[in-house]
N, C-alpha and C. Protein backbone atom coordinates (compact mmCIF):
# COMPACT_ATOMS: atom_id res chain seq x y z
N UNK A 1 100.50 57.25 119.81
CA UNK A 1 100.77 58.10 118.69
C UNK A 1 100.74 59.56 119.14
N UNK A 2 101.58 60.37 118.57
CA UNK A 2 101.67 61.77 118.92
C UNK A 2 100.50 62.54 118.31
N UNK A 3 99.71 63.21 119.15
CA UNK A 3 98.51 63.91 118.68
C UNK A 3 98.83 65.25 118.02
N UNK A 4 100.03 65.80 118.20
CA UNK A 4 100.35 67.11 117.66
C UNK A 4 100.77 67.06 116.20
N UNK A 5 101.06 65.90 115.68
CA UNK A 5 101.48 65.78 114.28
C UNK A 5 100.26 65.73 113.38
N UNK A 6 100.35 66.45 112.27
CA UNK A 6 99.27 66.46 111.31
C UNK A 6 99.55 65.46 110.20
N UNK A 7 98.52 64.83 109.74
CA UNK A 7 98.68 63.96 108.59
C UNK A 7 98.67 64.82 107.33
N UNK A 8 99.09 64.24 106.24
CA UNK A 8 99.12 64.98 104.97
C UNK A 8 97.71 65.39 104.56
N UNK A 9 96.74 64.51 104.78
CA UNK A 9 95.35 64.83 104.43
C UNK A 9 94.81 65.99 105.25
N UNK A 10 95.13 66.02 106.54
CA UNK A 10 94.68 67.11 107.40
C UNK A 10 95.36 68.42 107.01
N UNK A 11 96.64 68.34 106.69
CA UNK A 11 97.36 69.53 106.25
C UNK A 11 96.78 70.08 104.95
N UNK A 12 96.45 69.19 104.04
CA UNK A 12 95.85 69.60 102.77
C UNK A 12 94.49 70.25 103.00
N UNK A 13 93.69 69.68 103.90
CA UNK A 13 92.39 70.25 104.23
C UNK A 13 92.54 71.62 104.88
N UNK A 14 93.48 71.75 105.81
CA UNK A 14 93.71 73.03 106.48
C UNK A 14 94.19 74.10 105.49
N UNK A 15 95.09 73.73 104.59
CA UNK A 15 95.56 74.70 103.60
C UNK A 15 94.45 75.12 102.64
N UNK A 16 93.61 74.18 102.26
CA UNK A 16 92.48 74.48 101.39
C UNK A 16 91.49 75.42 102.10
N UNK A 17 91.23 75.16 103.37
CA UNK A 17 90.33 76.02 104.14
C UNK A 17 90.93 77.40 104.33
N UNK A 18 92.24 77.47 104.59
CA UNK A 18 92.91 78.76 104.75
C UNK A 18 92.83 79.57 103.47
N UNK A 19 93.04 78.91 102.33
CA UNK A 19 92.99 79.61 101.06
C UNK A 19 91.59 80.13 100.77
N UNK A 20 90.56 79.36 101.09
CA UNK A 20 89.17 79.80 100.88
C UNK A 20 88.86 81.02 101.73
N UNK A 21 89.30 81.02 102.98
CA UNK A 21 89.06 82.17 103.86
C UNK A 21 89.84 83.38 103.37
N UNK A 22 91.08 83.18 102.95
CA UNK A 22 91.90 84.29 102.45
C UNK A 22 91.31 84.90 101.19
N UNK A 23 90.79 84.06 100.28
CA UNK A 23 90.16 84.59 99.06
C UNK A 23 88.94 85.43 99.40
N UNK A 24 88.14 84.96 100.36
CA UNK A 24 86.96 85.72 100.78
C UNK A 24 87.37 87.06 101.38
N UNK A 25 88.39 87.04 102.24
CA UNK A 25 88.85 88.28 102.86
C UNK A 25 89.42 89.25 101.83
N UNK A 26 90.17 88.74 100.86
CA UNK A 26 90.71 89.62 99.83
C UNK A 26 89.59 90.28 99.03
N UNK A 27 88.58 89.49 98.70
CA UNK A 27 87.47 90.02 97.91
C UNK A 27 86.67 91.06 98.70
N UNK A 28 86.45 90.80 99.98
CA UNK A 28 85.60 91.68 100.77
C UNK A 28 86.35 92.88 101.34
N UNK A 29 87.55 92.67 101.86
CA UNK A 29 88.21 93.73 102.62
C UNK A 29 89.41 94.37 101.93
N UNK A 30 90.27 93.58 101.33
CA UNK A 30 91.55 94.10 100.89
C UNK A 30 91.50 94.83 99.56
N UNK A 31 90.58 94.48 98.68
CA UNK A 31 90.51 95.13 97.38
C UNK A 31 89.46 96.23 97.45
N UNK A 32 89.66 97.16 98.32
CA UNK A 32 88.80 98.33 98.48
C UNK A 32 89.66 99.58 98.32
N UNK A 33 89.07 100.68 97.84
CA UNK A 33 89.88 101.89 97.60
C UNK A 33 90.58 102.42 98.85
N UNK A 34 89.89 102.44 99.99
CA UNK A 34 90.51 102.95 101.21
C UNK A 34 91.69 102.12 101.66
N UNK A 35 91.55 100.82 101.59
CA UNK A 35 92.64 99.92 101.97
C UNK A 35 93.80 100.04 101.00
N UNK A 36 93.49 100.15 99.73
CA UNK A 36 94.55 100.28 98.73
C UNK A 36 95.31 101.59 98.93
N UNK A 37 94.60 102.68 99.18
CA UNK A 37 95.26 103.98 99.37
C UNK A 37 96.08 103.99 100.66
N UNK A 38 95.48 103.58 101.75
CA UNK A 38 96.15 103.68 103.04
C UNK A 38 97.15 102.56 103.27
N UNK A 39 96.93 101.40 102.66
CA UNK A 39 97.79 100.26 102.91
C UNK A 39 98.93 100.10 101.92
N UNK A 40 98.79 100.65 100.71
CA UNK A 40 99.84 100.46 99.71
C UNK A 40 100.41 101.78 99.21
N UNK A 41 99.54 102.68 98.75
CA UNK A 41 100.05 103.93 98.18
C UNK A 41 100.68 104.86 99.22
N UNK A 42 100.05 104.99 100.37
CA UNK A 42 100.61 105.85 101.42
C UNK A 42 101.99 105.39 101.87
N UNK A 43 102.19 104.09 102.20
CA UNK A 43 103.55 103.66 102.57
C UNK A 43 104.55 103.82 101.43
N UNK A 44 104.11 103.60 100.19
CA UNK A 44 105.01 103.75 99.06
C UNK A 44 105.48 105.20 98.92
N UNK A 45 104.57 106.15 99.00
CA UNK A 45 104.97 107.56 98.90
C UNK A 45 105.77 108.02 100.11
N UNK A 46 105.45 107.49 101.28
CA UNK A 46 106.24 107.82 102.46
C UNK A 46 107.65 107.26 102.33
N UNK A 47 107.77 106.06 101.81
CA UNK A 47 109.06 105.45 101.57
C UNK A 47 109.87 106.27 100.56
N UNK A 48 109.22 106.67 99.48
CA UNK A 48 109.92 107.46 98.46
C UNK A 48 110.38 108.80 99.00
N UNK A 49 109.58 109.42 99.88
CA UNK A 49 109.98 110.71 100.44
C UNK A 49 111.24 110.59 101.31
N UNK A 50 111.45 109.46 101.94
CA UNK A 50 112.65 109.28 102.74
C UNK A 50 113.81 108.68 101.95
N UNK A 51 113.51 107.91 100.90
CA UNK A 51 114.56 107.21 100.16
C UNK A 51 115.20 108.06 99.07
N UNK A 52 114.45 108.99 98.51
CA UNK A 52 115.00 109.80 97.42
C UNK A 52 116.08 110.72 97.98
N UNK A 53 117.21 110.70 97.35
CA UNK A 53 118.32 111.55 97.77
C UNK A 53 119.29 110.89 98.73
N UNK A 54 118.99 109.71 99.18
CA UNK A 54 119.92 108.99 100.06
C UNK A 54 120.73 108.01 99.24
N UNK A 55 121.94 107.84 99.59
CA UNK A 55 122.80 106.91 98.89
C UNK A 55 122.86 105.57 99.62
N UNK A 56 121.73 105.14 100.12
CA UNK A 56 121.67 103.86 100.85
C UNK A 56 121.36 102.74 99.87
N UNK A 57 121.95 101.57 100.10
CA UNK A 57 121.64 100.44 99.22
C UNK A 57 120.20 99.95 99.42
N UNK A 58 119.67 99.30 98.40
CA UNK A 58 118.29 98.81 98.46
C UNK A 58 118.10 97.78 99.56
N UNK A 59 119.16 97.05 99.90
CA UNK A 59 119.04 96.02 100.93
C UNK A 59 118.74 96.63 102.31
N UNK A 60 119.03 97.89 102.51
CA UNK A 60 118.68 98.53 103.78
C UNK A 60 117.36 99.29 103.69
N UNK A 61 116.91 99.62 102.48
CA UNK A 61 115.66 100.37 102.34
C UNK A 61 114.43 99.48 102.22
N UNK A 62 114.56 98.34 101.57
CA UNK A 62 113.41 97.47 101.32
C UNK A 62 112.78 96.92 102.61
N UNK A 63 113.55 96.50 103.63
CA UNK A 63 112.89 96.06 104.87
C UNK A 63 112.04 97.16 105.51
N UNK A 64 112.46 98.40 105.39
CA UNK A 64 111.66 99.50 105.91
C UNK A 64 110.35 99.66 105.15
N UNK A 65 110.42 99.52 103.83
CA UNK A 65 109.21 99.60 103.02
C UNK A 65 108.24 98.48 103.37
N UNK A 66 108.75 97.28 103.53
CA UNK A 66 107.90 96.15 103.87
C UNK A 66 107.25 96.35 105.24
N UNK A 67 108.02 96.83 106.20
CA UNK A 67 107.48 96.99 107.55
C UNK A 67 106.43 98.09 107.62
N UNK A 68 106.63 99.23 106.94
CA UNK A 68 105.60 100.27 107.01
C UNK A 68 104.36 99.88 106.21
N UNK A 69 104.55 99.10 105.15
CA UNK A 69 103.38 98.62 104.41
C UNK A 69 102.56 97.66 105.26
N UNK A 70 103.22 96.76 105.97
CA UNK A 70 102.49 95.84 106.85
C UNK A 70 101.81 96.61 107.98
N UNK A 71 102.49 97.58 108.55
CA UNK A 71 101.91 98.37 109.64
C UNK A 71 100.65 99.10 109.19
N UNK A 72 100.74 99.82 108.08
CA UNK A 72 99.60 100.61 107.65
C UNK A 72 98.47 99.77 107.07
N UNK A 73 98.79 98.68 106.38
CA UNK A 73 97.69 97.85 105.87
C UNK A 73 97.01 97.10 107.00
N UNK A 74 97.75 96.65 108.00
CA UNK A 74 97.12 95.99 109.15
C UNK A 74 96.28 96.98 109.95
N UNK A 75 96.76 98.21 110.08
CA UNK A 75 95.99 99.19 110.85
C UNK A 75 94.77 99.69 110.09
N UNK A 76 94.75 99.55 108.77
CA UNK A 76 93.55 99.96 108.04
C UNK A 76 92.54 98.82 107.96
N UNK A 77 92.97 97.58 108.07
CA UNK A 77 92.07 96.44 107.98
C UNK A 77 91.57 96.00 109.36
N UNK A 78 92.44 96.00 110.34
CA UNK A 78 92.11 95.47 111.66
C UNK A 78 90.85 96.02 112.30
N UNK A 79 90.68 97.33 112.37
CA UNK A 79 89.47 97.86 113.01
C UNK A 79 88.18 97.59 112.22
N UNK A 80 88.31 97.17 110.97
CA UNK A 80 87.13 96.98 110.15
C UNK A 80 86.68 95.52 110.10
N UNK A 81 87.59 94.57 110.20
CA UNK A 81 87.27 93.17 109.95
C UNK A 81 86.37 92.56 111.03
N UNK A 82 86.79 92.61 112.26
CA UNK A 82 86.04 91.92 113.32
C UNK A 82 84.63 92.50 113.49
N UNK A 83 84.43 93.83 113.56
CA UNK A 83 83.04 94.32 113.66
C UNK A 83 82.17 93.93 112.47
N UNK A 84 82.75 93.95 111.27
CA UNK A 84 81.98 93.56 110.10
C UNK A 84 81.65 92.08 110.13
N UNK A 85 82.61 91.25 110.50
CA UNK A 85 82.37 89.81 110.59
C UNK A 85 81.30 89.50 111.65
N UNK A 86 81.33 90.21 112.75
CA UNK A 86 80.34 89.97 113.80
C UNK A 86 78.95 90.45 113.37
N UNK A 87 78.89 91.57 112.66
CA UNK A 87 77.60 92.10 112.21
C UNK A 87 76.95 91.17 111.18
N UNK A 88 77.75 90.61 110.29
CA UNK A 88 77.24 89.73 109.24
C UNK A 88 77.07 88.30 109.75
N UNK A 89 77.54 88.03 110.96
CA UNK A 89 77.47 86.72 111.61
C UNK A 89 78.32 85.66 110.92
N UNK A 90 79.43 86.04 110.32
CA UNK A 90 80.33 85.06 109.73
C UNK A 90 81.48 84.72 110.65
N UNK A 91 81.74 85.55 111.66
CA UNK A 91 82.82 85.28 112.60
C UNK A 91 82.52 84.01 113.40
N UNK A 92 81.29 83.89 113.91
CA UNK A 92 80.91 82.70 114.67
C UNK A 92 80.92 81.46 113.78
N UNK A 93 80.55 81.65 112.51
CA UNK A 93 80.56 80.51 111.59
C UNK A 93 81.98 80.02 111.37
N UNK A 94 82.94 80.95 111.28
CA UNK A 94 84.33 80.55 111.13
C UNK A 94 84.83 79.81 112.36
N UNK A 95 84.46 80.31 113.54
CA UNK A 95 84.93 79.67 114.77
C UNK A 95 84.29 78.31 115.00
N UNK A 96 83.08 78.12 114.50
CA UNK A 96 82.42 76.82 114.71
C UNK A 96 82.60 75.88 113.52
N UNK A 97 83.35 76.29 112.52
CA UNK A 97 83.58 75.45 111.34
C UNK A 97 84.46 74.26 111.71
N UNK A 98 84.34 73.17 110.97
CA UNK A 98 85.15 71.99 111.29
C UNK A 98 86.58 72.09 110.75
N UNK A 99 87.19 73.25 110.92
CA UNK A 99 88.59 73.43 110.54
C UNK A 99 89.33 73.90 111.78
N UNK A 100 90.62 73.76 111.75
CA UNK A 100 91.40 74.10 112.93
C UNK A 100 91.53 75.62 113.09
N UNK A 101 91.80 76.02 114.30
CA UNK A 101 92.02 77.44 114.59
C UNK A 101 93.20 77.97 113.79
N UNK A 102 94.21 77.13 113.59
CA UNK A 102 95.39 77.56 112.85
C UNK A 102 95.08 77.84 111.39
N UNK A 103 94.11 77.15 110.82
CA UNK A 103 93.70 77.44 109.45
C UNK A 103 93.13 78.85 109.36
N UNK A 104 92.30 79.20 110.33
CA UNK A 104 91.73 80.55 110.36
C UNK A 104 92.83 81.57 110.59
N UNK A 105 93.75 81.25 111.50
CA UNK A 105 94.85 82.16 111.81
C UNK A 105 95.72 82.41 110.58
N UNK A 106 96.12 81.36 109.87
CA UNK A 106 96.99 81.54 108.70
C UNK A 106 96.27 82.24 107.57
N UNK A 107 94.96 82.10 107.50
CA UNK A 107 94.21 82.79 106.44
C UNK A 107 94.12 84.28 106.74
N UNK A 108 94.18 84.65 107.99
CA UNK A 108 94.05 86.06 108.36
C UNK A 108 95.37 86.81 108.35
N UNK A 109 96.47 86.16 108.11
CA UNK A 109 97.76 86.86 108.07
C UNK A 109 97.95 87.66 106.85
C-alpha cells in the first residue's frame, strides 16, 4: 500500500487540527491593533495612493493589493510569532503533537 496517500479520516483529523491552530493564532496574533494597522490599513492606503487617478482596470490592480497585503501582514506577524510561541512553550507542544507537520504548516499560512 502507498504510504503517501491519506485516508479520509486522517485528512479530516488534519483539517480539524489545522483549523484549531489557525483559530488560536487569529485570536492571539492577528486580531491586534498593530497587525491590523500594518497588515491591512497600511497596504490599503498605499494601494489607494497609487491607484487613484490611473485608468487601469481592476484586474491589474487587485493582484498588487493582494500581494502587498500579504507582504506587510506576514512581515508584521513573522518576527512576533516564533519568539512568543517559544517563550510560552507552545511551539514545542505543537511540534510534539500527534498531528502531521503539514497540519501545522497549513494552519500557519
